């Protein structure tokens, strides 16, 4: 194998590895975005539940007075 051919093979291999790395990073970013959205939705839901519980406790307290 000539030096030029070997150089081309190495360059091609590096480009393929870089493409793979970019694809892996994009998947990781998408997965992290999905996790962040899921957590935000869970916090929003829990906040709504807590507000309801606090509202009911306040109502019960005021009617018991």
C-alpha atoms as a PDB file:
ATOM      1  CA  UNK A   1       0.000   0.000   0.000  1.00  0.00           C
ATOM      2  CA  UNK A   2       1.414   3.380  -0.939  1.00  0.00           C
ATOM      3  CA  UNK A   3       1.807   6.254   1.483  1.00  0.00           C
ATOM      4  CA  UNK A   4      -0.899   8.262  -0.310  1.00  0.00           C
ATOM      5  CA  UNK A   5      -3.339   5.370  -0.130  1.00  0.00           C
ATOM      6  CA  UNK A   6      -2.587   4.811   3.550  1.00  0.00           C
ATOM      7  CA  UNK A   7      -3.021   8.515   4.241  1.00  0.00           C
ATOM      8  CA  UNK A   8      -6.385   8.483   2.465  1.00  0.00           C
ATOM      9  CA  UNK A   9      -7.502   5.420   4.432  1.00  0.00           C
ATOM     10  CA  UNK A  10      -6.541   7.086   7.715  1.00  0.00           C
ATOM     11  CA  UNK A  11      -8.328  10.288   6.727  1.00  0.00           C
ATOM     12  CA  UNK A  12     -11.461   8.334   5.777  1.00  0.00           C
ATOM     13  CA  UNK A  13     -11.342   6.382   9.022  1.00  0.00           C
ATOM     14  CA  UNK A  14     -10.991   9.585  11.043  1.00  0.00           C
ATOM     15  CA  UNK A  15     -13.925  11.171   9.196  1.00  0.00           C
ATOM     16  CA  UNK A  16     -16.099   8.125   9.906  1.00  0.00           C
ATOM     17  CA  UNK A  17     -15.157   8.193  13.576  1.00  0.00           C
ATOM     18  CA  UNK A  18     -15.960  11.910  13.736  1.00  0.00           C
ATOM     19  CA  UNK A  19     -19.362  11.273  12.143  1.00  0.00           C
ATOM     20  CA  UNK A  20     -20.039   8.514  14.667  1.00  0.00           C
ATOM     21  CA  UNK A  21     -19.002  10.787  17.525  1.00  0.00           C
ATOM     22  CA  UNK A  22     -21.282  13.566  16.266  1.00  0.00           C
ATOM     23  CA  UNK A  23     -24.209  11.143  15.985  1.00  0.00           C
ATOM     24  CA  UNK A  24     -23.570   9.835  19.509  1.00  0.00           C
ATOM     25  CA  UNK A  25     -23.468  13.390  20.882  1.00  0.00           C
ATOM     26  CA  UNK A  26     -26.713  14.291  19.085  1.00  0.00           C
ATOM     27  CA  UNK A  27     -28.458  11.222  20.518  1.00  0.00           C
ATOM     28  CA  UNK A  28     -27.140  12.026  23.987  1.00  0.00           C
ATOM     29  CA  UNK A  29     -28.361  15.610  23.680  1.00  0.00           C
ATOM     30  CA  UNK A  30     -31.808  14.469  22.524  1.00  0.00           C
ATOM     31  CA  UNK A  31     -32.014  11.968  25.385  1.00  0.00           C
ATOM     32  CA  UNK A  32     -30.983  14.629  27.908  1.00  0.00           C
ATOM     33  CA  UNK A  33     -33.589  17.026  26.508  1.00  0.00           C
ATOM     34  CA  UNK A  34     -36.220  14.316  26.877  1.00  0.00           C
ATOM     35  CA  UNK A  35     -35.174  13.690  30.506  1.00  0.00           C
ATOM     36  CA  UNK A  36     -35.251  17.417  31.272  1.00  0.00           C
ATOM     37  CA  UNK A  37     -38.750  17.756  29.820  1.00  0.00           C
ATOM     38  CA  UNK A  38     -39.949  14.713  31.757  1.00  0.00           C
ATOM     39  CA  UNK A  39     -38.551  16.102  35.009  1.00  0.00           C
ATOM     40  CA  UNK A  40     -40.060  19.532  34.344  1.00  0.00           C
ATOM     41  CA  UNK A  41     -43.455  17.924  33.705  1.00  0.00           C
ATOM     42  CA  UNK A  42     -43.172  15.902  36.919  1.00  0.00           C
ATOM     43  CA  UNK A  43     -42.283  19.004  38.952  1.00  0.00           C
ATOM     44  CA  UNK A  44     -45.181  20.920  37.413  1.00  0.00           C
ATOM     45  CA  UNK A  45     -47.571  18.080  38.223  1.00  0.00           C
ATOM     46  CA  UNK A  46     -46.276  17.741  41.793  1.00  0.00           C
ATOM     47  CA  UNK A  47     -46.552  21.506  42.297  1.00  0.00           C
ATOM     48  CA  UNK A  48     -50.172  21.388  41.168  1.00  0.00           C
ATOM     49  CA  UNK A  49     -50.918  18.553  43.584  1.00  0.00           C
ATOM     50  CA  UNK A  50     -49.251  20.393  46.476  1.00  0.00           C
ATOM     51  CA  UNK A  51     -51.178  23.568  45.708  1.00  0.00           C
ATOM     52  CA  UNK A  52     -54.396  21.578  45.830  1.00  0.00           C
ATOM     53  CA  UNK A  53     -53.462  20.000  49.168  1.00  0.00           C
ATOM     54  CA  UNK A  54     -52.488  23.381  50.627  1.00  0.00           C
ATOM     55  CA  UNK A  55     -55.708  24.943  49.353  1.00  0.00           C
ATOM     56  CA  UNK A  56     -57.784  22.153  50.910  1.00  0.00           C
ATOM     57  CA  UNK A  57     -55.896  22.376  54.219  1.00  0.00           C
ATOM     58  CA  UNK A  58     -56.414  26.137  54.278  1.00  0.00           C
ATOM     59  CA  UNK A  59     -60.113  25.683  53.543  1.00  0.00           C
ATOM     60  CA  UNK A  60     -60.452  23.038  56.263  1.00  0.00           C
ATOM     61  CA  UNK A  61     -58.615  25.243  58.763  1.00  0.00           C
ATOM     62  CA  UNK A  62     -60.780  28.279  58.010  1.00  0.00           C
ATOM     63  CA  UNK A  63     -64.037  26.315  58.265  1.00  0.00           C
ATOM     64  CA  UNK A  64     -62.936  24.722  61.567  1.00  0.00           C
ATOM     65  CA  UNK A  65     -62.426  28.120  63.190  1.00  0.00           C
END
